[in-house]
C-alpha cells in the first residue's frame, strides 16, 4: 500500500476530494477516519486528545471533531471557522493550539496568522 500526495492537474490545480485521513490501529492496521478530503494542512488535538482540529485548504474552513483518544475514531464534525463567511482571502494553512487552548491559524498568501 502506498500513500501519495494528490497529483496536480494541468495548470497546477490540486484535485478536490481525492484524499482521506487515516488512523493507525494498535496492530498497525489502517482505517479511513474521514473522507473525502482534498489538501490537508493543519492538524492538531486538544491536550486531552478529545477534540481534533483539521484544515482542508481547498474546503476553506477549519473543522473540529470529537476524537476518541484510544481508537482515533472521529465523530461530530463541526465548522469552527469558515473563511468565506469571515472575509478572509488567504489560504488557511497550518495551525497550532497554545497552552490556553487558543487555536492559531497561519494564512498563506496573507502573510499573517490569526487566533480563532
N, C-alpha and C. Protein backbone atom coordinates (compact mmCIF):
# COMPACT_ATOMS: atom_id res chain seq x y z
N UNK A 1 0.85 -1.17 0.00
CA UNK A 1 0.00 0.00 0.00
C UNK A 1 0.89 1.23 0.00
N UNK A 2 0.57 2.20 -0.80
CA UNK A 2 1.34 3.43 -0.81
C UNK A 2 0.41 4.61 -0.60
N UNK A 3 0.99 5.68 -0.10
CA UNK A 3 0.24 6.91 0.12
C UNK A 3 0.96 8.01 -0.63
N UNK A 4 0.32 8.54 -1.63
CA UNK A 4 0.92 9.58 -2.44
C UNK A 4 0.13 10.86 -2.26
N UNK A 5 0.82 11.97 -2.42
CA UNK A 5 0.14 13.26 -2.41
C UNK A 5 -0.73 13.35 -3.66
N UNK A 6 -1.86 14.04 -3.57
CA UNK A 6 -2.67 14.21 -4.76
C UNK A 6 -1.84 14.82 -5.89
N UNK A 7 -2.02 14.32 -7.08
CA UNK A 7 -1.27 14.80 -8.23
C UNK A 7 -1.92 16.05 -8.80
N UNK A 8 -1.09 17.05 -9.08
CA UNK A 8 -1.61 18.28 -9.66
C UNK A 8 -2.14 18.01 -11.05
N UNK A 9 -3.21 18.70 -11.37
CA UNK A 9 -3.81 18.63 -12.69
C UNK A 9 -3.10 19.62 -13.62
N UNK A 10 -3.33 19.52 -14.93
CA UNK A 10 -2.77 20.53 -15.83
C UNK A 10 -3.17 21.92 -15.34
N UNK A 11 -2.23 22.82 -15.35
CA UNK A 11 -2.47 24.16 -14.84
C UNK A 11 -2.11 24.30 -13.37
N UNK A 12 -1.67 23.20 -12.74
CA UNK A 12 -1.19 23.27 -11.36
C UNK A 12 -2.24 23.09 -10.29
N UNK A 13 -3.49 22.84 -10.65
CA UNK A 13 -4.54 22.67 -9.66
C UNK A 13 -4.46 21.31 -8.99
N UNK A 14 -4.68 21.28 -7.67
CA UNK A 14 -4.77 20.02 -6.93
C UNK A 14 -6.24 19.60 -6.96
N UNK A 15 -6.53 18.36 -7.32
CA UNK A 15 -7.93 17.94 -7.42
C UNK A 15 -8.63 17.92 -6.07
N UNK A 16 -9.92 18.07 -6.09
CA UNK A 16 -10.73 18.03 -4.87
C UNK A 16 -11.20 16.60 -4.59
N UNK A 17 -11.33 16.32 -3.30
CA UNK A 17 -11.99 15.10 -2.83
C UNK A 17 -11.35 13.80 -3.29
N UNK A 18 -10.02 13.76 -3.33
CA UNK A 18 -9.32 12.53 -3.69
C UNK A 18 -8.39 12.05 -2.58
N UNK A 19 -8.58 12.55 -1.36
CA UNK A 19 -7.70 12.18 -0.24
C UNK A 19 -8.55 11.77 0.96
N UNK A 20 -7.88 11.30 2.00
CA UNK A 20 -8.57 10.87 3.22
C UNK A 20 -7.63 11.00 4.41
N UNK A 21 -8.21 11.03 5.61
CA UNK A 21 -7.45 10.91 6.86
C UNK A 21 -7.53 9.46 7.31
N UNK A 22 -6.42 8.95 7.80
CA UNK A 22 -6.35 7.56 8.24
C UNK A 22 -5.96 7.48 9.70
N UNK A 23 -6.37 6.42 10.37
CA UNK A 23 -5.87 6.11 11.70
C UNK A 23 -5.04 4.83 11.61
N UNK A 24 -4.01 4.78 12.43
CA UNK A 24 -3.16 3.60 12.50
C UNK A 24 -3.51 2.89 13.80
N UNK A 25 -4.07 1.68 13.69
CA UNK A 25 -4.51 0.92 14.85
C UNK A 25 -3.36 0.31 15.63
N UNK A 26 -3.67 -0.23 16.78
CA UNK A 26 -2.66 -0.82 17.66
C UNK A 26 -1.93 -1.98 17.00
N UNK A 27 -2.59 -2.65 16.08
CA UNK A 27 -1.95 -3.76 15.37
C UNK A 27 -1.44 -3.33 14.00
N UNK A 28 -1.16 -2.04 13.87
CA UNK A 28 -0.63 -1.45 12.64
C UNK A 28 -1.58 -1.59 11.46
N UNK A 29 -2.86 -1.62 11.75
CA UNK A 29 -3.86 -1.66 10.69
C UNK A 29 -4.33 -0.24 10.40
N UNK A 30 -4.56 0.05 9.13
CA UNK A 30 -5.02 1.37 8.72
C UNK A 30 -6.51 1.34 8.47
N UNK A 31 -7.16 2.44 8.85
CA UNK A 31 -8.57 2.59 8.51
C UNK A 31 -8.83 4.06 8.20
N UNK A 32 -9.79 4.29 7.33
CA UNK A 32 -10.15 5.66 6.96
C UNK A 32 -10.92 6.28 8.12
N UNK A 33 -10.41 7.43 8.59
CA UNK A 33 -11.07 8.15 9.69
C UNK A 33 -12.06 9.17 9.15
N UNK A 34 -11.74 9.76 7.97
CA UNK A 34 -12.63 10.77 7.38
C UNK A 34 -12.27 10.95 5.92
N UNK A 35 -13.28 11.04 5.09
CA UNK A 35 -13.08 11.31 3.66
C UNK A 35 -14.41 11.81 3.09
N UNK A 36 -14.43 12.43 1.93
CA UNK A 36 -13.27 12.77 1.11
C UNK A 36 -12.66 14.10 1.56
N UNK A 37 -11.38 14.24 1.30
CA UNK A 37 -10.64 15.46 1.58
C UNK A 37 -9.84 15.84 0.34
N UNK A 38 -9.26 17.03 0.38
CA UNK A 38 -8.51 17.49 -0.79
C UNK A 38 -7.06 17.84 -0.47
N UNK A 39 -6.84 18.79 0.43
CA UNK A 39 -5.49 19.27 0.69
C UNK A 39 -5.30 19.47 2.20
N UNK A 40 -4.85 18.43 2.88
CA UNK A 40 -4.64 18.50 4.33
C UNK A 40 -3.52 19.47 4.64
N UNK A 41 -3.76 20.34 5.60
CA UNK A 41 -2.72 21.27 6.02
C UNK A 41 -2.59 21.29 7.52
N UNK A 42 -3.54 21.86 8.22
CA UNK A 42 -3.43 21.95 9.67
C UNK A 42 -4.08 20.77 10.36
N UNK A 43 -3.38 20.21 11.35
CA UNK A 43 -3.93 19.14 12.19
C UNK A 43 -3.44 19.40 13.61
N UNK A 44 -4.35 19.34 14.58
CA UNK A 44 -3.94 19.46 15.97
C UNK A 44 -5.03 18.89 16.87
N UNK A 45 -4.62 18.49 18.07
CA UNK A 45 -5.52 17.92 19.06
C UNK A 45 -5.45 18.74 20.33
N UNK A 46 -6.56 18.78 21.08
CA UNK A 46 -6.53 19.40 22.40
C UNK A 46 -5.65 18.54 23.30
N UNK A 47 -5.23 19.12 24.41
CA UNK A 47 -4.30 18.43 25.31
C UNK A 47 -4.83 17.08 25.78
N UNK A 48 -6.14 16.97 25.98
CA UNK A 48 -6.71 15.69 26.43
C UNK A 48 -6.96 14.72 25.27
N UNK A 49 -6.72 15.17 24.04
CA UNK A 49 -6.89 14.31 22.87
C UNK A 49 -8.33 14.08 22.46
N UNK A 50 -9.27 14.80 23.07
CA UNK A 50 -10.68 14.54 22.81
C UNK A 50 -11.29 15.42 21.71
N UNK A 51 -10.56 16.44 21.28
CA UNK A 51 -11.01 17.26 20.16
C UNK A 51 -9.88 17.35 19.15
N UNK A 52 -10.22 17.11 17.89
CA UNK A 52 -9.27 17.15 16.79
C UNK A 52 -9.67 18.28 15.86
N UNK A 53 -8.71 19.16 15.55
CA UNK A 53 -8.93 20.27 14.62
C UNK A 53 -8.23 19.95 13.31
N UNK A 54 -8.86 20.37 12.22
CA UNK A 54 -8.35 20.00 10.90
C UNK A 54 -8.64 21.10 9.89
N UNK A 55 -7.65 21.33 9.01
CA UNK A 55 -7.84 22.25 7.88
C UNK A 55 -7.66 21.48 6.58
N UNK A 56 -8.67 21.55 5.73
CA UNK A 56 -8.56 21.14 4.34
C UNK A 56 -8.53 22.46 3.58
N UNK A 57 -7.35 22.84 3.08
CA UNK A 57 -7.19 24.16 2.47
C UNK A 57 -8.12 24.40 1.29
N UNK A 58 -8.51 23.36 0.60
CA UNK A 58 -9.42 23.52 -0.53
C UNK A 58 -10.87 23.74 -0.07
N UNK A 59 -11.21 23.31 1.13
CA UNK A 59 -12.57 23.47 1.64
C UNK A 59 -12.79 24.84 2.29
N UNK A 60 -11.71 25.59 2.53
CA UNK A 60 -11.79 26.96 3.04
C UNK A 60 -12.40 27.07 4.44
N UNK A 61 -12.16 26.05 5.27
CA UNK A 61 -12.68 26.14 6.63
C UNK A 61 -11.84 25.30 7.59
N UNK A 62 -11.97 25.64 8.87
CA UNK A 62 -11.38 24.86 9.95
C UNK A 62 -12.53 24.08 10.58
N UNK A 63 -12.34 22.78 10.73
CA UNK A 63 -13.37 21.96 11.36
C UNK A 63 -12.81 21.31 12.62
N UNK A 64 -13.72 20.93 13.50
CA UNK A 64 -13.36 20.19 14.71
C UNK A 64 -14.19 18.91 14.72
N UNK A 65 -13.60 17.89 15.32
CA UNK A 65 -14.27 16.61 15.51
C UNK A 65 -14.11 16.21 16.96
N UNK A 66 -15.06 15.47 17.49
CA UNK A 66 -14.83 14.75 18.73
C UNK A 66 -13.91 13.60 18.36
N UNK A 67 -12.95 13.29 19.21
CA UNK A 67 -11.98 12.24 18.91
C UNK A 67 -11.86 11.31 20.11
N UNK A 68 -11.95 10.02 19.86
CA UNK A 68 -11.72 9.03 20.91
C UNK A 68 -10.21 8.82 21.00
N UNK A 69 -9.56 9.25 22.09
CA UNK A 69 -8.10 9.13 22.19
C UNK A 69 -7.58 7.69 22.11
N UNK A 70 -8.40 6.73 22.46
CA UNK A 70 -7.96 5.33 22.43
C UNK A 70 -8.00 4.74 21.03
N UNK A 71 -9.02 5.08 20.27
CA UNK A 71 -9.21 4.45 18.95
C UNK A 71 -8.91 5.38 17.78
N UNK A 72 -8.92 6.70 18.03
CA UNK A 72 -8.76 7.66 16.96
C UNK A 72 -10.03 7.90 16.17
N UNK A 73 -11.13 7.29 16.58
CA UNK A 73 -12.40 7.46 15.86
C UNK A 73 -12.87 8.90 15.96
N UNK A 74 -13.26 9.46 14.81
CA UNK A 74 -13.74 10.84 14.74
C UNK A 74 -15.26 10.85 14.62
N UNK A 75 -15.90 11.83 15.28
CA UNK A 75 -17.35 11.98 15.18
C UNK A 75 -17.70 13.44 15.39
N UNK A 76 -18.96 13.78 15.17
CA UNK A 76 -19.49 15.11 15.45
C UNK A 76 -18.70 16.23 14.77
N UNK A 77 -18.54 16.12 13.45
CA UNK A 77 -17.84 17.18 12.69
C UNK A 77 -18.62 18.49 12.78
N UNK A 78 -17.88 19.58 13.01
CA UNK A 78 -18.48 20.90 13.07
C UNK A 78 -17.50 21.95 12.56
N UNK A 79 -18.01 22.98 11.94
CA UNK A 79 -17.18 24.07 11.43
C UNK A 79 -16.85 25.03 12.56
N UNK A 80 -15.54 25.31 12.70
CA UNK A 80 -15.07 26.24 13.72
C UNK A 80 -14.87 27.63 13.09
N UNK A 81 -14.44 27.64 11.83
CA UNK A 81 -14.17 28.89 11.13
C UNK A 81 -14.35 28.66 9.64
N UNK A 82 -15.12 29.52 9.00
CA UNK A 82 -15.33 29.47 7.55
C UNK A 82 -14.77 30.76 6.97
N UNK A 83 -13.73 30.65 6.16
CA UNK A 83 -13.05 31.86 5.68
C UNK A 83 -13.95 32.72 4.81
N UNK A 84 -14.83 32.12 4.03
CA UNK A 84 -15.71 32.88 3.15
C UNK A 84 -16.69 33.73 3.96
N UNK A 85 -17.18 33.17 5.07
CA UNK A 85 -18.12 33.92 5.92
C UNK A 85 -17.44 35.00 6.74
N UNK A 86 -16.10 34.98 6.77
CA UNK A 86 -15.35 35.95 7.57
C UNK A 86 -14.49 36.88 6.74
N UNK A 87 -14.68 36.89 5.42
CA UNK A 87 -13.97 37.82 4.54
C UNK A 87 -12.48 37.59 4.44
N UNK A 88 -12.02 36.36 4.66
CA UNK A 88 -10.60 36.05 4.57
C UNK A 88 -10.28 35.60 3.15
N UNK A 89 -9.28 36.22 2.53
CA UNK A 89 -8.94 35.90 1.14
C UNK A 89 -7.75 34.95 1.04
N UNK A 90 -6.95 34.84 2.09
CA UNK A 90 -5.76 33.98 2.06
C UNK A 90 -6.17 32.51 2.20
N UNK A 91 -5.21 31.62 1.99
CA UNK A 91 -5.44 30.18 2.11
C UNK A 91 -5.18 29.76 3.56
N UNK A 92 -6.15 29.07 4.16
CA UNK A 92 -5.95 28.54 5.52
C UNK A 92 -4.86 27.49 5.45
N UNK A 93 -3.87 27.61 6.31
CA UNK A 93 -2.68 26.76 6.22
C UNK A 93 -2.50 26.01 7.54
N UNK A 94 -1.32 26.01 8.09
CA UNK A 94 -1.05 25.28 9.32
C UNK A 94 -1.74 25.91 10.52
N UNK A 95 -1.73 25.16 11.63
CA UNK A 95 -2.33 25.69 12.85
C UNK A 95 -1.67 25.08 14.08
N UNK A 96 -1.93 25.71 15.20
CA UNK A 96 -1.42 25.22 16.48
C UNK A 96 -2.35 25.67 17.59
N UNK A 97 -2.42 24.87 18.63
CA UNK A 97 -3.13 25.24 19.84
C UNK A 97 -2.10 25.70 20.87
N UNK A 98 -2.37 26.82 21.54
CA UNK A 98 -1.44 27.25 22.58
C UNK A 98 -1.82 26.61 23.92
N UNK A 99 -1.06 26.93 24.96
CA UNK A 99 -1.26 26.31 26.28
C UNK A 99 -2.63 26.61 26.87
N UNK A 100 -3.23 27.71 26.43
CA UNK A 100 -4.55 28.10 26.94
C UNK A 100 -5.69 27.48 26.13
N UNK A 101 -5.34 26.75 25.06
CA UNK A 101 -6.36 26.13 24.22
C UNK A 101 -6.83 27.01 23.08
N UNK A 102 -6.13 28.15 22.87
CA UNK A 102 -6.49 29.03 21.76
C UNK A 102 -5.94 28.45 20.46
N UNK A 103 -6.74 28.50 19.42
CA UNK A 103 -6.36 27.96 18.12
C UNK A 103 -5.83 29.09 17.24
N UNK A 104 -4.62 28.90 16.71
CA UNK A 104 -3.97 29.87 15.84
C UNK A 104 -3.82 29.25 14.45
N UNK A 105 -4.13 30.03 13.42
CA UNK A 105 -4.10 29.53 12.04
C UNK A 105 -3.22 30.45 11.19
N UNK A 106 -2.31 29.83 10.44
CA UNK A 106 -1.47 30.57 9.50
C UNK A 106 -2.26 30.80 8.22
N UNK A 107 -2.02 31.95 7.59
CA UNK A 107 -2.71 32.31 6.36
C UNK A 107 -1.70 32.46 5.23
N UNK A 108 -1.69 31.50 4.32
CA UNK A 108 -0.81 31.50 3.17
C UNK A 108 -1.31 32.52 2.16
N UNK A 109 -0.42 33.28 1.57
CA UNK A 109 -0.74 34.40 0.68
C UNK A 109 -1.39 35.53 1.46
N UNK A 110 -1.32 35.46 2.75
CA UNK A 110 -1.87 36.52 3.58
C UNK A 110 -0.79 37.10 4.48
N UNK A 111 0.35 36.40 4.56
CA UNK A 111 1.50 36.85 5.35
C UNK A 111 1.10 37.22 6.77
N UNK A 112 0.24 36.39 7.36
CA UNK A 112 -0.16 36.65 8.74
C UNK A 112 -0.73 35.39 9.35
N UNK A 113 -1.09 35.46 10.60
CA UNK A 113 -1.75 34.37 11.30
C UNK A 113 -2.84 35.00 12.16
N UNK A 114 -3.75 34.19 12.60
CA UNK A 114 -4.83 34.74 13.42
C UNK A 114 -5.28 33.74 14.46
N UNK A 115 -5.78 34.29 15.56
CA UNK A 115 -6.33 33.46 16.62
C UNK A 115 -7.82 33.33 16.38
N UNK A 116 -8.33 32.10 16.45
CA UNK A 116 -9.77 31.89 16.27
C UNK A 116 -10.45 31.90 17.62
